C-alpha atoms as a PDB file:
ATOM      1  CA  UNK A   1      98.044  19.329  79.243  1.00  0.00           C
ATOM      2  CA  UNK A   2      97.011  16.557  82.371  1.00  0.00           C
ATOM      3  CA  UNK A   3      98.661  16.741  85.751  1.00  0.00           C
ATOM      4  CA  UNK A   4      98.733  13.188  87.398  1.00  0.00           C
ATOM      5  CA  UNK A   5     100.968  12.099  90.407  1.00  0.00           C
ATOM      6  CA  UNK A   6     103.194  14.858  89.782  1.00  0.00           C
ATOM      7  CA  UNK A   7     103.733  14.072  85.904  1.00  0.00           C
ATOM      8  CA  UNK A   8     103.141  16.131  83.390  1.00  0.00           C
ATOM      9  CA  UNK A   9     101.453  14.565  80.788  1.00  0.00           C
ATOM     10  CA  UNK A  10     101.152  15.911  76.962  1.00  0.00           C
ATOM     11  CA  UNK A  11      98.249  13.885  75.295  1.00  0.00           C
ATOM     12  CA  UNK A  12      97.485  14.223  71.622  1.00  0.00           C
ATOM     13  CA  UNK A  13      94.100  13.781  70.232  1.00  0.00           C
ATOM     14  CA  UNK A  14      93.505  13.678  66.267  1.00  0.00           C
ATOM     15  CA  UNK A  15      90.416  13.066  65.226  1.00  0.00           C
ATOM     16  CA  UNK A  16      89.899  13.258  61.110  1.00  0.00           C
ATOM     17  CA  UNK A  17      86.947  11.393  59.366  1.00  0.00           C
ATOM     18  CA  UNK A  18      87.190   8.940  56.966  1.00  0.00           C
ATOM     19  CA  UNK A  19      83.593   7.347  56.669  1.00  0.00           C
ATOM     20  CA  UNK A  20      83.311   7.506  60.414  1.00  0.00           C
ATOM     21  CA  UNK A  21      85.233   9.366  62.814  1.00  0.00           C
ATOM     22  CA  UNK A  22      88.831   7.613  63.636  1.00  0.00           C
ATOM     23  CA  UNK A  23      90.559   8.658  67.324  1.00  0.00           C
ATOM     24  CA  UNK A  24      94.059   8.206  67.732  1.00  0.00           C
ATOM     25  CA  UNK A  25      95.678   8.804  71.028  1.00  0.00           C
ATOM     26  CA  UNK A  26      99.417   9.304  72.516  1.00  0.00           C
ATOM     27  CA  UNK A  27     100.896  10.828  75.221  1.00  0.00           C
ATOM     28  CA  UNK A  28     103.738  10.268  77.228  1.00  0.00           C
ATOM     29  CA  UNK A  29     104.653   7.182  80.000  1.00  0.00           C
ATOM     30  CA  UNK A  30     102.337   4.484  81.133  1.00  0.00           C
ATOM     31  CA  UNK A  31      99.978   7.144  82.008  1.00  0.00           C
ATOM     32  CA  UNK A  32      98.153   6.844  79.025  1.00  0.00           C
ATOM     33  CA  UNK A  33      96.951   3.614  80.017  1.00  0.00           C
ATOM     34  CA  UNK A  34      96.237   4.004  83.501  1.00  0.00           C
ATOM     35  CA  UNK A  35      94.357   7.216  82.726  1.00  0.00           C
ATOM     36  CA  UNK A  36      91.359   4.716  81.315  1.00  0.00           C
ATOM     37  CA  UNK A  37      90.942   3.227  84.868  1.00  0.00           C
ATOM     38  CA  UNK A  38      90.375   7.104  86.668  1.00  0.00           C
ATOM     39  CA  UNK A  39      88.374   8.725  84.139  1.00  0.00           C
ATOM     40  CA  UNK A  40      86.236   7.521  81.338  1.00  0.00           C
ATOM     41  CA  UNK A  41      87.544   9.961  78.361  1.00  0.00           C
ATOM     42  CA  UNK A  42      86.161   8.645  75.275  1.00  0.00           C
ATOM     43  CA  UNK A  43      83.149   6.052  74.212  1.00  0.00           C
ATOM     44  CA  UNK A  44      85.530   2.833  73.113  1.00  0.00           C
ATOM     45  CA  UNK A  45      83.290   2.124  70.334  1.00  0.00           C
ATOM     46  CA  UNK A  46      86.203   2.790  68.003  1.00  0.00           C
ATOM     47  CA  UNK A  47      88.413   0.222  68.609  1.00  0.00           C
ATOM     48  CA  UNK A  48      92.302   0.100  67.204  1.00  0.00           C
ATOM     49  CA  UNK A  49      92.714  -0.586  63.493  1.00  0.00           C
ATOM     50  CA  UNK A  50      95.951  -0.634  61.392  1.00  0.00           C
ATOM     51  CA  UNK A  51      93.808   2.382  59.469  1.00  0.00           C
ATOM     52  CA  UNK A  52      93.583   4.358  62.555  1.00  0.00           C
ATOM     53  CA  UNK A  53      97.205   3.655  63.264  1.00  0.00           C
ATOM     54  CA  UNK A  54      98.483   4.850  59.791  1.00  0.00           C
ATOM     55  CA  UNK A  55      95.626   7.871  59.644  1.00  0.00           C
ATOM     56  CA  UNK A  56      97.592   9.368  63.021  1.00  0.00           C
ATOM     57  CA  UNK A  57     100.966   8.504  62.119  1.00  0.00           C
ATOM     58  CA  UNK A  58     100.757  10.210  58.560  1.00  0.00           C
ATOM     59  CA  UNK A  59      99.276  13.079  60.241  1.00  0.00           C
ATOM     60  CA  UNK A  60     102.228  13.164  62.991  1.00  0.00           C
ATOM     61  CA  UNK A  61     104.426  12.780  60.184  1.00  0.00           C
ATOM     62  CA  UNK A  62     103.255  15.778  58.228  1.00  0.00           C
ATOM     63  CA  UNK A  63     102.695  18.176  61.512  1.00  0.00           C
ATOM     64  CA  UNK A  64     106.611  17.223  61.686  1.00  0.00           C
ATOM     65  CA  UNK A  65     107.896  17.810  58.087  1.00  0.00           C
ATOM     66  CA  UNK A  66     106.036  20.671  57.704  1.00  0.00           C
ATOM     67  CA  UNK A  67     106.383  22.290  60.699  1.00  0.00           C
ATOM     68  CA  UNK A  68     103.137  23.005  61.110  1.00  0.00           C
ATOM     69  CA  UNK A  69     102.931  24.164  64.628  1.00  0.00           C
ATOM     70  CA  UNK A  70     105.426  27.046  64.496  1.00  0.00           C
ATOM     71  CA  UNK A  71     103.960  28.123  61.369  1.00  0.00           C
ATOM     72  CA  UNK A  72     100.540  28.357  63.270  1.00  0.00           C
ATOM     73  CA  UNK A  73     102.629  30.516  65.832  1.00  0.00           C
ATOM     74  CA  UNK A  74     103.926  32.293  63.382  1.00  0.00           C
ATOM     75  CA  UNK A  75     101.220  33.212  61.301  1.00  0.00           C
ATOM     76  CA  UNK A  76      99.138  33.376  63.991  1.00  0.00           C
ATOM     77  CA  UNK A  77     100.854  35.918  65.797  1.00  0.00           C
ATOM     78  CA  UNK A  78     100.719  38.150  62.544  1.00  0.00           C
ATOM     79  CA  UNK A  79      97.448  37.882  62.411  1.00  0.00           C
ATOM     80  CA  UNK A  80      96.914  38.686  65.887  1.00  0.00           C
ATOM     81  CA  UNK A  81      98.835  41.866  65.005  1.00  0.00           C
ATOM     82  CA  UNK A  82      96.752  43.003  62.149  1.00  0.00           C
ATOM     83  CA  UNK A  83      93.505  42.454  63.912  1.00  0.00           C
ATOM     84  CA  UNK A  84      94.997  44.183  66.645  1.00  0.00           C
ATOM     85  CA  UNK A  85      95.419  47.312  64.100  1.00  0.00           C
ATOM     86  CA  UNK A  86      92.055  47.062  63.137  1.00  0.00           C
ATOM     87  CA  UNK A  87      90.715  47.174  66.301  1.00  0.00           C
ATOM     88  CA  UNK A  88      92.612  50.912  66.564  1.00  0.00           C
ATOM     89  CA  UNK A  89      90.886  51.470  63.375  1.00  0.00           C
ATOM     90  CA  UNK A  90      87.377  50.254  63.754  1.00  0.00           C
ATOM     91  CA  UNK A  91      85.584  51.712  67.090  1.00  0.00           C
ATOM     92  CA  UNK A  92      83.343  48.580  67.116  1.00  0.00           C
ATOM     93  CA  UNK A  93      86.368  46.426  67.626  1.00  0.00           C
ATOM     94  CA  UNK A  94      86.255  45.919  71.567  1.00  0.00           C
ATOM     95  CA  UNK A  95      88.905  43.183  71.777  1.00  0.00           C
ATOM     96  CA  UNK A  96      91.247  40.848  69.897  1.00  0.00           C
ATOM     97  CA  UNK A  97      91.826  37.482  71.924  1.00  0.00           C
ATOM     98  CA  UNK A  98      93.784  33.909  71.609  1.00  0.00           C
ATOM     99  CA  UNK A  99      97.072  32.580  70.594  1.00  0.00           C
ATOM    100  CA  UNK A 100      98.337  31.041  67.484  1.00  0.00           C
ATOM    101  CA  UNK A 101      95.255  30.226  64.980  1.00  0.00           C
ATOM    102  CA  UNK A 102      92.494  29.837  67.570  1.00  0.00           C
ATOM    103  CA  UNK A 103      91.158  33.733  67.721  1.00  0.00           C
ATOM    104  CA  UNK A 104      88.410  35.992  68.693  1.00  0.00           C
ATOM    105  CA  UNK A 105      87.292  39.347  67.835  1.00  0.00           C
ATOM    106  CA  UNK A 106      84.781  41.155  70.102  1.00  0.00           C
ATOM    107  CA  UNK A 107      82.476  43.184  68.457  1.00  0.00           C
ATOM    108  CA  UNK A 108      80.665  45.801  70.309  1.00  0.00           C
ATOM    109  CA  UNK A 109      78.715  49.009  70.283  1.00  0.00           C
ATOM    110  CA  UNK A 110      80.451  52.700  70.053  1.00  0.00           C
ATOM    111  CA  UNK A 111      78.023  54.348  72.266  1.00  0.00           C
ATOM    112  CA  UNK A 112      78.609  51.838  75.346  1.00  0.00           C
ATOM    113  CA  UNK A 113      81.049  49.400  74.514  1.00  0.00           C
ATOM    114  CA  UNK A 114      78.398  46.193  74.825  1.00  0.00           C
ATOM    115  CA  UNK A 115      78.134  43.320  73.170  1.00  0.00           C
ATOM    116  CA  UNK A 116      76.543  43.787  69.739  1.00  0.00           C
ATOM    117  CA  UNK A 117      75.057  40.484  68.616  1.00  0.00           C
ATOM    118  CA  UNK A 118      73.363  41.960  65.618  1.00  0.00           C
ATOM    119  CA  UNK A 119      76.843  43.663  64.331  1.00  0.00           C
ATOM    120  CA  UNK A 120      78.028  40.516  64.586  1.00  0.00           C
ATOM    121  CA  UNK A 121      75.732  38.582  62.692  1.00  0.00           C
ATOM    122  CA  UNK A 122      76.344  41.246  60.336  1.00  0.00           C
ATOM    123  CA  UNK A 123      79.922  40.678  59.666  1.00  0.00           C
ATOM    124  CA  UNK A 124      79.558  36.988  59.352  1.00  0.00           C
ATOM    125  CA  UNK A 125      77.148  37.580  56.915  1.00  0.00           C
ATOM    126  CA  UNK A 126      78.991  39.925  54.570  1.00  0.00           C
ATOM    127  CA  UNK A 127      81.898  37.708  54.935  1.00  0.00           C
ATOM    128  CA  UNK A 128      80.603  34.752  53.333  1.00  0.00           C
ATOM    129  CA  UNK A 129      78.004  37.048  50.715  1.00  0.00           C
ATOM    130  CA  UNK A 130      80.461  39.299  49.649  1.00  0.00           C
ATOM    131  CA  UNK A 131      84.420  37.928  50.255  1.00  0.00           C
ATOM    132  CA  UNK A 132      83.627  34.183  50.097  1.00  0.00           C
ATOM    133  CA  UNK A 133      84.801  33.807  53.516  1.00  0.00           C
ATOM    134  CA  UNK A 134      83.277  31.496  56.168  1.00  0.00           C
ATOM    135  CA  UNK A 135      83.334  32.811  59.912  1.00  0.00           C
ATOM    136  CA  UNK A 136      81.472  32.252  62.882  1.00  0.00           C
ATOM    137  CA  UNK A 137      79.754  34.039  65.576  1.00  0.00           C
ATOM    138  CA  UNK A 138      80.638  32.535  69.454  1.00  0.00           C
ATOM    139  CA  UNK A 139      80.347  33.429  72.794  1.00  0.00           C
ATOM    140  CA  UNK A 140      77.789  34.209  75.645  1.00  0.00           C
ATOM    141  CA  UNK A 141      76.068  37.018  73.458  1.00  0.00           C
ATOM    142  CA  UNK A 142      77.513  35.508  70.128  1.00  0.00           C
ATOM    143  CA  UNK A 143      79.427  38.970  69.638  1.00  0.00           C
ATOM    144  CA  UNK A 144      82.567  37.306  69.043  1.00  0.00           C
ATOM    145  CA  UNK A 145      83.820  36.858  66.003  1.00  0.00           C
ATOM    146  CA  UNK A 146      85.523  33.230  65.775  1.00  0.00           C
ATOM    147  CA  UNK A 147      88.585  32.904  63.552  1.00  0.00           C
ATOM    148  CA  UNK A 148      90.214  29.262  63.138  1.00  0.00           C
ATOM    149  CA  UNK A 149      91.788  28.764  59.789  1.00  0.00           C
ATOM    150  CA  UNK A 150      93.331  25.388  59.320  1.00  0.00           C
ATOM    151  CA  UNK A 151      97.194  25.012  60.294  1.00  0.00           C
ATOM    152  CA  UNK A 152      97.822  25.416  56.439  1.00  0.00           C
ATOM    153  CA  UNK A 153      97.063  28.949  56.740  1.00  0.00           C
ATOM    154  CA  UNK A 154      99.836  31.209  55.253  1.00  0.00           C
ATOM    155  CA  UNK A 155     100.746  34.838  55.917  1.00  0.00           C
ATOM    156  CA  UNK A 156      99.310  35.847  52.529  1.00  0.00           C
ATOM    157  CA  UNK A 157      95.487  34.096  53.585  1.00  0.00           C
ATOM    158  CA  UNK A 158      96.266  36.071  56.535  1.00  0.00           C
ATOM    159  CA  UNK A 159      96.716  39.653  55.254  1.00  0.00           C
ATOM    160  CA  UNK A 160      93.821  38.204  52.685  1.00  0.00           C
ATOM    161  CA  UNK A 161      91.015  37.910  55.623  1.00  0.00           C
ATOM    162  CA  UNK A 162      92.091  41.242  57.837  1.00  0.00           C
ATOM    163  CA  UNK A 163      91.862  43.058  54.487  1.00  0.00           C
ATOM    164  CA  UNK A 164      88.368  41.591  53.974  1.00  0.00           C
ATOM    165  CA  UNK A 165      87.495  41.975  57.759  1.00  0.00           C
ATOM    166  CA  UNK A 166      88.647  46.030  56.974  1.00  0.00           C
ATOM    167  CA  UNK A 167      86.277  46.110  53.978  1.00  0.00           C
ATOM    168  CA  UNK A 168      83.317  44.960  55.649  1.00  0.00           C
ATOM    169  CA  UNK A 169      83.873  46.944  58.856  1.00  0.00           C
ATOM    170  CA  UNK A 170      84.026  49.871  56.959  1.00  0.00           C
ATOM    171  CA  UNK A 171      80.656  49.337  54.848  1.00  0.00           C
ATOM    172  CA  UNK A 172      79.168  48.762  58.217  1.00  0.00           C
ATOM    173  CA  UNK A 173      80.228  51.665  60.053  1.00  0.00           C
ATOM    174  CA  UNK A 174      79.163  53.961  56.624  1.00  0.00           C
ATOM    175  CA  UNK A 175      75.783  51.699  55.841  1.00  0.00           C
ATOM    176  CA  UNK A 176      74.517  50.349  59.744  1.00  0.00           C
ATOM    177  CA  UNK A 177      73.983  46.688  60.204  1.00  0.00           C
ATOM    178  CA  UNK A 178      70.266  46.941  58.651  1.00  0.00           C
ATOM    179  CA  UNK A 179      69.957  43.938  56.678  1.00  0.00           C
ATOM    180  CA  UNK A 180      68.434  41.091  55.765  1.00  0.00           C
ATOM    181  CA  UNK A 181      69.620  38.538  57.683  1.00  0.00           C
ATOM    182  CA  UNK A 182      67.032  35.530  56.041  1.00  0.00           C
ATOM    183  CA  UNK A 183      70.059  33.584  54.630  1.00  0.00           C
ATOM    184  CA  UNK A 184      71.474  33.235  58.275  1.00  0.00           C
ATOM    185  CA  UNK A 185      69.175  31.160  59.303  1.00  0.00           C
ATOM    186  CA  UNK A 186      66.043  31.436  62.130  1.00  0.00           C
ATOM    187  CA  UNK A 187      68.014  30.568  64.816  1.00  0.00           C
ATOM    188  CA  UNK A 188      70.083  33.218  64.566  1.00  0.00           C
ATOM    189  CA  UNK A 189      67.276  35.808  64.223  1.00  0.00           C
ATOM    190  CA  UNK A 190      65.423  34.268  67.823  1.00  0.00           C
ATOM    191  CA  UNK A 191      65.982  36.457  71.002  1.00  0.00           C
ATOM    192  CA  UNK A 192      68.320  35.689  72.751  1.00  0.00           C
ATOM    193  CA  UNK A 193      67.468  33.049  75.788  1.00  0.00           C
ATOM    194  CA  UNK A 194      66.751  33.879  79.250  1.00  0.00           C
ATOM    195  CA  UNK A 195      69.320  32.765  81.470  1.00  0.00           C
ATOM    196  CA  UNK A 196      68.112  29.917  83.563  1.00  0.00           C
ATOM    197  CA  UNK A 197      67.656  30.118  87.626  1.00  0.00           C
ATOM    198  CA  UNK A 198      68.913  27.032  89.108  1.00  0.00           C
ATOM    199  CA  UNK A 199      67.965  27.796  92.123  1.00  0.00           C
ATOM    200  CA  UNK A 200      64.415  26.804  91.141  1.00  0.00           C
ATOM    201  CA  UNK A 201      65.437  23.268  90.419  1.00  0.00           C
ATOM    202  CA  UNK A 202      65.691  20.382  93.516  1.00  0.00           C
ATOM    203  CA  UNK A 203      69.105  18.563  94.074  1.00  0.00           C
ATOM    204  CA  UNK A 204      68.195  15.153  93.037  1.00  0.00           C
ATOM    205  CA  UNK A 205      70.162  12.444  93.914  1.00  0.00           C
END
């Protein structure tokens, strides 16, 4: 949503990959065109083409025909309720945030409720290795389990995901988080980077 000259604009950007990225932009009012003269939003190397238009109209038609936005709202609400139930069951779950199918589960230490990076990496690892579920960790401390399923995600899928996460958290509570992280990649094993002191840098015009 963009506010411009009192107008509320709803802009839609759909990016699909067919050999290379194809960007389709749409919006209300002629402001969508004028917007380009105000701010450079995107690199214009992707020129309009019949293929891009066909992709965009097809995706928009499927979104409307299958009512995927409403499904994302309803399934997301169900998923969030079940994740909040896990928060009440497992003390390592600090919070559940988000709306629709964009959710984050905050993994914290049991003793002092601080971000627990290692525990979150353990959750990601065990979901992948034992449950065949690909998840990711995000956030400043990499302790937030990032849940972003596709729009076709169903209520059955949501319940399966929560059941798998419940099993992983239960295992961690019983056995700890000391596992071999070698398959996670070296980047996750490196210590957290020290914060940069911007005051040490001079302003350059």
